[in-house]
Amino acid sequence: MQPEHVYARLEQLQPEPRLDGSSHQDLGAPKATSAPRWQRWGQSLWRYFVGSTAPRIQRRHDRAGRLYYRVYDPVDQRHYTFDSEPEVRVWLEGRYYQ
């Protein structure tokens, strides 16, 4: 699952239009048809130069197989680690009031 999908699902955001004019219909699963490689490259390049203040959230597993969440906040340029989805939600909620 891509980081922006995890963030959107945790924040319960509505799908945003993509650069190619389409929108993400199902935030939990990738689309059946994938964009051409040059288009994905262009989107990555666009995100690199334009940037975003949205946190990047990744679901990972440790060596014992336990799920944890790794979060990067581009605003303060720090990484955070959480053991559960509710912990990430609490952090996201508190982030807006800092």
N, C-alpha and C. Protein backbone atom coordinates (compact mmCIF):
# COMPACT_ATOMS: atom_id res chain seq x y z
N MET A 1 0.85 -1.17 0.00
CA MET A 1 0.00 0.00 0.00
C MET A 1 0.89 1.23 0.00
N GLN A 2 0.62 2.18 -0.86
CA GLN A 2 1.45 3.36 -0.98
C GLN A 2 1.21 4.28 0.21
N PRO A 3 2.24 5.06 0.64
CA PRO A 3 2.10 5.92 1.82
C PRO A 3 0.93 6.88 1.75
N GLU A 4 0.68 7.49 0.58
CA GLU A 4 -0.43 8.43 0.51
C GLU A 4 -1.77 7.74 0.69
N HIS A 5 -1.87 6.45 0.31
CA HIS A 5 -3.10 5.70 0.52
C HIS A 5 -3.33 5.46 2.01
N VAL A 6 -2.28 5.11 2.74
CA VAL A 6 -2.41 4.86 4.17
C VAL A 6 -2.81 6.14 4.87
N TYR A 7 -2.16 7.25 4.55
CA TYR A 7 -2.49 8.54 5.16
C TYR A 7 -3.94 8.92 4.87
N ALA A 8 -4.36 8.80 3.63
CA ALA A 8 -5.74 9.16 3.27
C ALA A 8 -6.74 8.29 4.00
N ARG A 9 -6.44 6.99 4.13
CA ARG A 9 -7.37 6.09 4.81
C ARG A 9 -7.42 6.43 6.30
N LEU A 10 -6.28 6.69 6.92
CA LEU A 10 -6.26 7.02 8.34
C LEU A 10 -6.95 8.35 8.63
N GLU A 11 -6.78 9.30 7.75
CA GLU A 11 -7.41 10.60 7.92
C GLU A 11 -8.84 10.62 7.39
N GLN A 12 -9.27 9.53 6.78
CA GLN A 12 -10.60 9.40 6.19
C GLN A 12 -10.88 10.51 5.18
N LEU A 13 -9.88 10.76 4.33
CA LEU A 13 -9.98 11.79 3.32
C LEU A 13 -10.71 11.28 2.09
N GLN A 14 -11.32 12.18 1.37
CA GLN A 14 -11.96 11.84 0.11
C GLN A 14 -10.89 11.68 -0.94
N PRO A 15 -11.12 10.85 -1.95
CA PRO A 15 -10.13 10.66 -3.01
C PRO A 15 -9.80 11.98 -3.70
N GLU A 16 -8.51 12.18 -3.97
CA GLU A 16 -8.06 13.38 -4.67
C GLU A 16 -7.77 13.03 -6.12
N PRO A 17 -7.96 13.99 -7.02
CA PRO A 17 -7.63 13.72 -8.41
C PRO A 17 -6.14 13.49 -8.57
N ARG A 18 -5.77 12.63 -9.50
CA ARG A 18 -4.37 12.35 -9.77
C ARG A 18 -3.91 13.24 -10.92
N LEU A 19 -2.61 13.26 -11.14
CA LEU A 19 -2.06 14.10 -12.20
C LEU A 19 -2.57 13.68 -13.58
N ASP A 20 -2.93 12.41 -13.74
CA ASP A 20 -3.40 11.95 -15.04
C ASP A 20 -4.89 12.20 -15.24
N GLY A 21 -5.55 12.89 -14.27
CA GLY A 21 -6.96 13.22 -14.41
C GLY A 21 -7.89 12.22 -13.77
N SER A 22 -7.41 11.03 -13.43
CA SER A 22 -8.26 10.04 -12.79
C SER A 22 -8.26 10.29 -11.29
N SER A 23 -8.99 9.48 -10.55
CA SER A 23 -8.98 9.60 -9.10
C SER A 23 -8.84 8.22 -8.49
N HIS A 24 -8.40 8.18 -7.24
CA HIS A 24 -8.28 6.91 -6.54
C HIS A 24 -9.68 6.50 -6.10
N GLN A 25 -10.19 5.41 -6.62
CA GLN A 25 -11.52 4.96 -6.23
C GLN A 25 -11.48 4.16 -4.94
N ASP A 26 -10.54 3.27 -4.81
CA ASP A 26 -10.42 2.43 -3.63
C ASP A 26 -9.06 2.68 -3.02
N LEU A 27 -9.04 3.35 -1.86
CA LEU A 27 -7.77 3.71 -1.25
C LEU A 27 -7.05 2.51 -0.67
N GLY A 28 -7.74 1.40 -0.47
CA GLY A 28 -7.12 0.25 0.14
C GLY A 28 -6.42 -0.67 -0.82
N ALA A 29 -6.73 -0.59 -2.11
CA ALA A 29 -6.15 -1.53 -3.07
C ALA A 29 -5.66 -0.79 -4.30
N PRO A 30 -4.58 -1.25 -4.90
CA PRO A 30 -4.09 -0.61 -6.12
C PRO A 30 -5.05 -0.86 -7.28
N LYS A 31 -5.02 0.02 -8.26
CA LYS A 31 -5.87 -0.14 -9.43
C LYS A 31 -5.40 -1.33 -10.25
N ALA A 32 -6.34 -1.93 -10.96
CA ALA A 32 -6.02 -3.10 -11.77
C ALA A 32 -5.10 -2.73 -12.92
N THR A 33 -5.31 -1.56 -13.51
CA THR A 33 -4.45 -1.13 -14.61
C THR A 33 -3.42 -0.17 -14.05
N SER A 34 -2.18 -0.41 -14.35
CA SER A 34 -1.12 0.47 -13.84
C SER A 34 -0.76 1.49 -14.91
N ALA A 35 -0.30 2.64 -14.43
CA ALA A 35 0.11 3.70 -15.33
C ALA A 35 1.42 3.31 -16.00
N PRO A 36 1.65 3.82 -17.18
CA PRO A 36 2.93 3.54 -17.85
C PRO A 36 4.10 4.02 -16.98
N ARG A 37 5.21 3.36 -17.16
CA ARG A 37 6.39 3.66 -16.35
C ARG A 37 6.78 5.13 -16.44
N TRP A 38 6.74 5.73 -17.61
CA TRP A 38 7.13 7.13 -17.76
C TRP A 38 6.17 8.04 -16.99
N GLN A 39 4.91 7.64 -16.92
CA GLN A 39 3.92 8.45 -16.20
C GLN A 39 4.17 8.38 -14.69
N ARG A 40 4.47 7.19 -14.18
CA ARG A 40 4.78 7.05 -12.75
C ARG A 40 6.05 7.83 -12.42
N TRP A 41 7.03 7.77 -13.31
CA TRP A 41 8.27 8.52 -13.11
C TRP A 41 7.98 10.02 -13.06
N GLY A 42 7.13 10.49 -13.97
CA GLY A 42 6.76 11.90 -14.01
C GLY A 42 6.04 12.34 -12.74
N GLN A 43 5.16 11.47 -12.23
CA GLN A 43 4.46 11.80 -10.99
C GLN A 43 5.43 11.87 -9.82
N SER A 44 6.38 10.95 -9.78
CA SER A 44 7.38 10.97 -8.71
C SER A 44 8.23 12.24 -8.78
N LEU A 45 8.62 12.62 -9.97
CA LEU A 45 9.40 13.83 -10.18
C LEU A 45 8.60 15.07 -9.75
N TRP A 46 7.34 15.08 -10.11
CA TRP A 46 6.44 16.19 -9.74
C TRP A 46 6.36 16.31 -8.22
N ARG A 47 6.15 15.19 -7.52
CA ARG A 47 6.06 15.20 -6.06
C ARG A 47 7.38 15.67 -5.44
N TYR A 48 8.51 15.29 -6.06
CA TYR A 48 9.81 15.68 -5.53
C TYR A 48 9.98 17.19 -5.57
N PHE A 49 9.63 17.82 -6.70
CA PHE A 49 9.84 19.26 -6.84
C PHE A 49 8.77 20.08 -6.14
N VAL A 50 7.53 19.63 -6.17
CA VAL A 50 6.44 20.39 -5.57
C VAL A 50 6.40 20.18 -4.06
N GLY A 51 6.65 18.98 -3.63
CA GLY A 51 6.64 18.67 -2.21
C GLY A 51 5.23 18.57 -1.66
N SER A 52 5.15 18.25 -0.40
CA SER A 52 3.87 18.12 0.26
C SER A 52 4.10 18.24 1.75
N THR A 53 3.10 18.75 2.46
CA THR A 53 3.17 18.80 3.90
C THR A 53 2.46 17.61 4.53
N ALA A 54 1.88 16.75 3.71
CA ALA A 54 1.19 15.57 4.22
C ALA A 54 2.20 14.55 4.71
N PRO A 55 1.96 13.98 5.89
CA PRO A 55 2.90 12.96 6.37
C PRO A 55 2.86 11.72 5.50
N ARG A 56 3.99 11.04 5.40
CA ARG A 56 4.07 9.78 4.65
C ARG A 56 4.05 8.64 5.66
N ILE A 57 3.10 7.75 5.51
CA ILE A 57 2.89 6.66 6.46
C ILE A 57 3.13 5.34 5.76
N GLN A 58 3.96 4.52 6.36
CA GLN A 58 4.25 3.20 5.80
C GLN A 58 3.92 2.13 6.83
N ARG A 59 3.32 1.05 6.35
CA ARG A 59 3.09 -0.11 7.19
C ARG A 59 4.29 -1.03 7.01
N ARG A 60 4.90 -1.44 8.11
CA ARG A 60 6.08 -2.30 8.05
C ARG A 60 5.94 -3.43 9.07
N HIS A 61 6.82 -4.41 8.93
CA HIS A 61 6.88 -5.52 9.87
C HIS A 61 8.30 -5.62 10.42
N ASP A 62 8.40 -5.87 11.73
CA ASP A 62 9.72 -6.05 12.31
C ASP A 62 10.19 -7.48 12.09
N ARG A 63 11.35 -7.82 12.62
CA ARG A 63 11.93 -9.15 12.39
C ARG A 63 11.05 -10.27 12.94
N ALA A 64 10.28 -9.98 13.96
CA ALA A 64 9.39 -10.99 14.55
C ALA A 64 8.05 -11.07 13.81
N GLY A 65 7.87 -10.21 12.80
CA GLY A 65 6.65 -10.23 12.01
C GLY A 65 5.54 -9.34 12.53
N ARG A 66 5.81 -8.56 13.57
CA ARG A 66 4.80 -7.66 14.12
C ARG A 66 4.67 -6.41 13.25
N LEU A 67 3.43 -6.00 13.05
CA LEU A 67 3.13 -4.82 12.24
C LEU A 67 3.41 -3.56 13.06
N TYR A 68 4.04 -2.57 12.41
CA TYR A 68 4.19 -1.25 13.01
C TYR A 68 4.08 -0.21 11.90
N TYR A 69 3.94 1.04 12.29
CA TYR A 69 3.77 2.13 11.34
C TYR A 69 4.95 3.08 11.45
N ARG A 70 5.54 3.41 10.32
CA ARG A 70 6.65 4.35 10.24
C ARG A 70 6.11 5.59 9.56
N VAL A 71 6.23 6.74 10.22
CA VAL A 71 5.65 7.99 9.74
C VAL A 71 6.76 9.01 9.56
N TYR A 72 6.76 9.68 8.42
CA TYR A 72 7.68 10.79 8.18
C TYR A 72 6.86 12.06 8.08
N ASP A 73 7.20 13.05 8.89
CA ASP A 73 6.52 14.34 8.87
C ASP A 73 7.41 15.35 8.16
N PRO A 74 7.05 15.75 6.93
CA PRO A 74 7.91 16.69 6.19
C PRO A 74 7.94 18.09 6.79
N VAL A 75 6.97 18.41 7.65
CA VAL A 75 6.96 19.74 8.26
C VAL A 75 8.12 19.89 9.23
N ASP A 76 8.30 18.92 10.13
CA ASP A 76 9.42 19.00 11.07
C ASP A 76 10.58 18.09 10.68
N GLN A 77 10.45 17.41 9.55
CA GLN A 77 11.49 16.55 8.98
C GLN A 77 11.97 15.50 9.98
N ARG A 78 11.00 14.82 10.62
CA ARG A 78 11.32 13.76 11.59
C ARG A 78 10.54 12.50 11.26
N HIS A 79 11.08 11.36 11.69
CA HIS A 79 10.41 10.07 11.56
C HIS A 79 9.83 9.67 12.92
N TYR A 80 8.67 9.02 12.88
CA TYR A 80 8.02 8.52 14.08
C TYR A 80 7.65 7.06 13.85
N THR A 81 7.62 6.29 14.91
CA THR A 81 7.23 4.89 14.83
C THR A 81 6.10 4.64 15.82
N PHE A 82 5.05 3.95 15.34
CA PHE A 82 3.89 3.65 16.16
C PHE A 82 3.57 2.17 16.05
N ASP A 83 3.05 1.61 17.13
CA ASP A 83 2.73 0.18 17.16
C ASP A 83 1.35 -0.14 16.61
N SER A 84 0.46 0.85 16.55
CA SER A 84 -0.90 0.55 16.10
C SER A 84 -1.48 1.72 15.31
N GLU A 85 -2.52 1.42 14.56
CA GLU A 85 -3.20 2.44 13.78
C GLU A 85 -3.84 3.50 14.67
N PRO A 86 -4.47 3.13 15.80
CA PRO A 86 -5.02 4.18 16.68
C PRO A 86 -3.96 5.16 17.19
N GLU A 87 -2.75 4.68 17.44
CA GLU A 87 -1.67 5.59 17.86
C GLU A 87 -1.34 6.59 16.76
N VAL A 88 -1.34 6.12 15.52
CA VAL A 88 -1.08 7.02 14.39
C VAL A 88 -2.19 8.06 14.29
N ARG A 89 -3.43 7.63 14.46
CA ARG A 89 -4.56 8.56 14.42
C ARG A 89 -4.46 9.64 15.49
N VAL A 90 -4.07 9.24 16.70
CA VAL A 90 -3.92 10.21 17.79
C VAL A 90 -2.82 11.21 17.44
N TRP A 91 -1.70 10.72 16.90
CA TRP A 91 -0.61 11.62 16.50
C TRP A 91 -1.07 12.57 15.40
N LEU A 92 -1.78 12.04 14.41
CA LEU A 92 -2.27 12.90 13.32
C LEU A 92 -3.19 13.98 13.85
N GLU A 93 -4.07 13.61 14.76
CA GLU A 93 -4.99 14.58 15.34
C GLU A 93 -4.23 15.67 16.11
N GLY A 94 -3.25 15.26 16.91
CA GLY A 94 -2.46 16.21 17.68
C GLY A 94 -1.57 17.09 16.82
N ARG A 95 -1.18 16.59 15.68
CA ARG A 95 -0.31 17.32 14.75
C ARG A 95 -0.97 18.62 14.28
N TYR A 96 -2.28 18.60 14.13
CA TYR A 96 -2.99 19.79 13.65
C TYR A 96 -3.11 20.87 14.72
N TYR A 97 -2.91 20.51 15.96
CA TYR A 97 -3.06 21.48 17.04
C TYR A 97 -1.72 21.97 17.57
N GLN A 98 -0.64 21.61 16.94
CA GLN A 98 0.69 22.06 17.38
C GLN A 98 0.97 23.44 16.88
